[in-house]
Amino acid sequence: MQRDAGTPIEHIVGVAAVIALSMVLHAGLATGNGLMPASHDVAMAGSGPDHIIAAPESSVWGQAVLRLNGMN
């Protein structure tokens, strides 16, 4: 069995490259997110009050979950 043995410098350069690329990706996503709001944010901005999704009472909710899981 042959083992690929890179020098410590090669390993350090590889780790630095991964860190640099992840920082560039993060900066690009943060910048793009600030410049272009998501379409659902724009659509929801003028639609009135916040939408609230309420869970049913616990007895109904428990039966619904069991039914969805095929246990009832």
C-alpha atoms as a PDB file:
ATOM      1  CA  MET A   1       0.000   0.000   0.000  1.00  0.00           C
ATOM      2  CA  GLN A   2       1.463   3.310  -1.051  1.00  0.00           C
ATOM      3  CA  ARG A   3       0.794   6.324   1.137  1.00  0.00           C
ATOM      4  CA  ASP A   4       0.693   9.856  -0.226  1.00  0.00           C
ATOM      5  CA  ALA A   5       2.965  11.843   2.058  1.00  0.00           C
ATOM      6  CA  GLY A   6       2.815  15.550   1.407  1.00  0.00           C
ATOM      7  CA  THR A   7       5.228  17.902   3.060  1.00  0.00           C
ATOM      8  CA  PRO A   8       4.025  20.024   5.967  1.00  0.00           C
ATOM      9  CA  ILE A   9       4.293  23.098   3.743  1.00  0.00           C
ATOM     10  CA  GLU A  10       1.936  21.523   1.197  1.00  0.00           C
ATOM     11  CA  HIS A  11      -0.577  20.758   3.947  1.00  0.00           C
ATOM     12  CA  ILE A  12      -0.388  24.296   5.319  1.00  0.00           C
ATOM     13  CA  VAL A  13      -0.857  25.757   1.836  1.00  0.00           C
ATOM     14  CA  GLY A  14      -3.868  23.511   1.263  1.00  0.00           C
ATOM     15  CA  VAL A  15      -5.498  24.525   4.534  1.00  0.00           C
ATOM     16  CA  ALA A  16      -4.810  28.200   3.803  1.00  0.00           C
ATOM     17  CA  ALA A  17      -6.371  27.841   0.338  1.00  0.00           C
ATOM     18  CA  VAL A  18      -9.527  26.278   1.763  1.00  0.00           C
ATOM     19  CA  ILE A  19      -9.819  29.022   4.389  1.00  0.00           C
ATOM     20  CA  ALA A  20      -9.259  31.755   1.781  1.00  0.00           C
ATOM     21  CA  LEU A  21     -11.858  30.306  -0.583  1.00  0.00           C
ATOM     22  CA  SER A  22     -14.414  29.947   2.191  1.00  0.00           C
ATOM     23  CA  MET A  23     -13.839  33.583   3.213  1.00  0.00           C
ATOM     24  CA  VAL A  24     -14.323  34.744  -0.391  1.00  0.00           C
ATOM     25  CA  LEU A  25     -17.512  32.691  -0.665  1.00  0.00           C
ATOM     26  CA  HIS A  26     -18.815  34.061   2.633  1.00  0.00           C
ATOM     27  CA  ALA A  27     -18.062  37.661   1.620  1.00  0.00           C
ATOM     28  CA  GLY A  28     -19.749  37.157  -1.747  1.00  0.00           C
ATOM     29  CA  LEU A  29     -22.873  35.684  -0.188  1.00  0.00           C
ATOM     30  CA  ALA A  30     -23.075  38.420   2.442  1.00  0.00           C
ATOM     31  CA  THR A  31     -22.632  41.143  -0.177  1.00  0.00           C
ATOM     32  CA  GLY A  32     -25.137  39.612  -2.575  1.00  0.00           C
ATOM     33  CA  ASN A  33     -27.641  39.088   0.207  1.00  0.00           C
ATOM     34  CA  GLY A  34     -27.395  42.755   1.174  1.00  0.00           C
ATOM     35  CA  LEU A  35     -27.705  44.038  -2.386  1.00  0.00           C
ATOM     36  CA  MET A  36     -30.511  41.794  -3.619  1.00  0.00           C
ATOM     37  CA  PRO A  37     -33.321  41.059  -1.153  1.00  0.00           C
ATOM     38  CA  ALA A  38     -35.050  37.741  -1.607  1.00  0.00           C
ATOM     39  CA  SER A  39     -38.207  37.828  -3.718  1.00  0.00           C
ATOM     40  CA  HIS A  40     -40.387  36.563  -0.870  1.00  0.00           C
ATOM     41  CA  ASP A  41     -39.150  39.432   1.333  1.00  0.00           C
ATOM     42  CA  VAL A  42     -40.231  41.938  -1.300  1.00  0.00           C
ATOM     43  CA  ALA A  43     -43.604  40.245  -1.775  1.00  0.00           C
ATOM     44  CA  MET A  44     -44.302  40.055   1.950  1.00  0.00           C
ATOM     45  CA  ALA A  45     -43.303  43.669   2.640  1.00  0.00           C
ATOM     46  CA  GLY A  46     -46.543  45.178   1.384  1.00  0.00           C
ATOM     47  CA  SER A  47     -48.949  42.378   2.221  1.00  0.00           C
ATOM     48  CA  GLY A  48     -50.086  43.655   5.608  1.00  0.00           C
ATOM     49  CA  PRO A  49     -49.576  42.230   9.075  1.00  0.00           C
ATOM     50  CA  ASP A  50     -47.307  39.311   9.867  1.00  0.00           C
ATOM     51  CA  HIS A  51     -48.720  35.906   9.060  1.00  0.00           C
ATOM     52  CA  ILE A  52     -49.108  33.687  12.095  1.00  0.00           C
ATOM     53  CA  ILE A  53     -49.348  29.933  11.874  1.00  0.00           C
ATOM     54  CA  ALA A  54     -50.954  28.503  14.992  1.00  0.00           C
ATOM     55  CA  ALA A  55     -50.699  24.854  15.975  1.00  0.00           C
ATOM     56  CA  PRO A  56     -53.923  23.032  16.785  1.00  0.00           C
ATOM     57  CA  GLU A  57     -54.738  21.893  20.274  1.00  0.00           C
ATOM     58  CA  SER A  58     -52.479  19.151  21.566  1.00  0.00           C
ATOM     59  CA  SER A  59     -55.091  16.362  21.406  1.00  0.00           C
ATOM     60  CA  VAL A  60     -55.803  17.051  17.723  1.00  0.00           C
ATOM     61  CA  TRP A  61     -52.131  17.606  16.934  1.00  0.00           C
ATOM     62  CA  GLY A  62     -51.060  14.293  18.469  1.00  0.00           C
ATOM     63  CA  GLN A  63     -53.631  12.331  16.459  1.00  0.00           C
ATOM     64  CA  ALA A  64     -52.624  14.120  13.255  1.00  0.00           C
ATOM     65  CA  VAL A  65     -48.949  13.313  13.764  1.00  0.00           C
ATOM     66  CA  LEU A  66     -49.707   9.661  14.460  1.00  0.00           C
ATOM     67  CA  ARG A  67     -51.894   9.496  11.358  1.00  0.00           C
ATOM     68  CA  LEU A  68     -49.156  11.051   9.201  1.00  0.00           C
ATOM     69  CA  ASN A  69     -46.676   8.494  10.484  1.00  0.00           C
ATOM     70  CA  GLY A  70     -49.088   5.665   9.666  1.00  0.00           C
ATOM     71  CA  MET A  71     -49.408   4.654  13.304  1.00  0.00           C
ATOM     72  CA  ASN A  72     -53.129   5.323  13.650  1.00  0.00           C
END
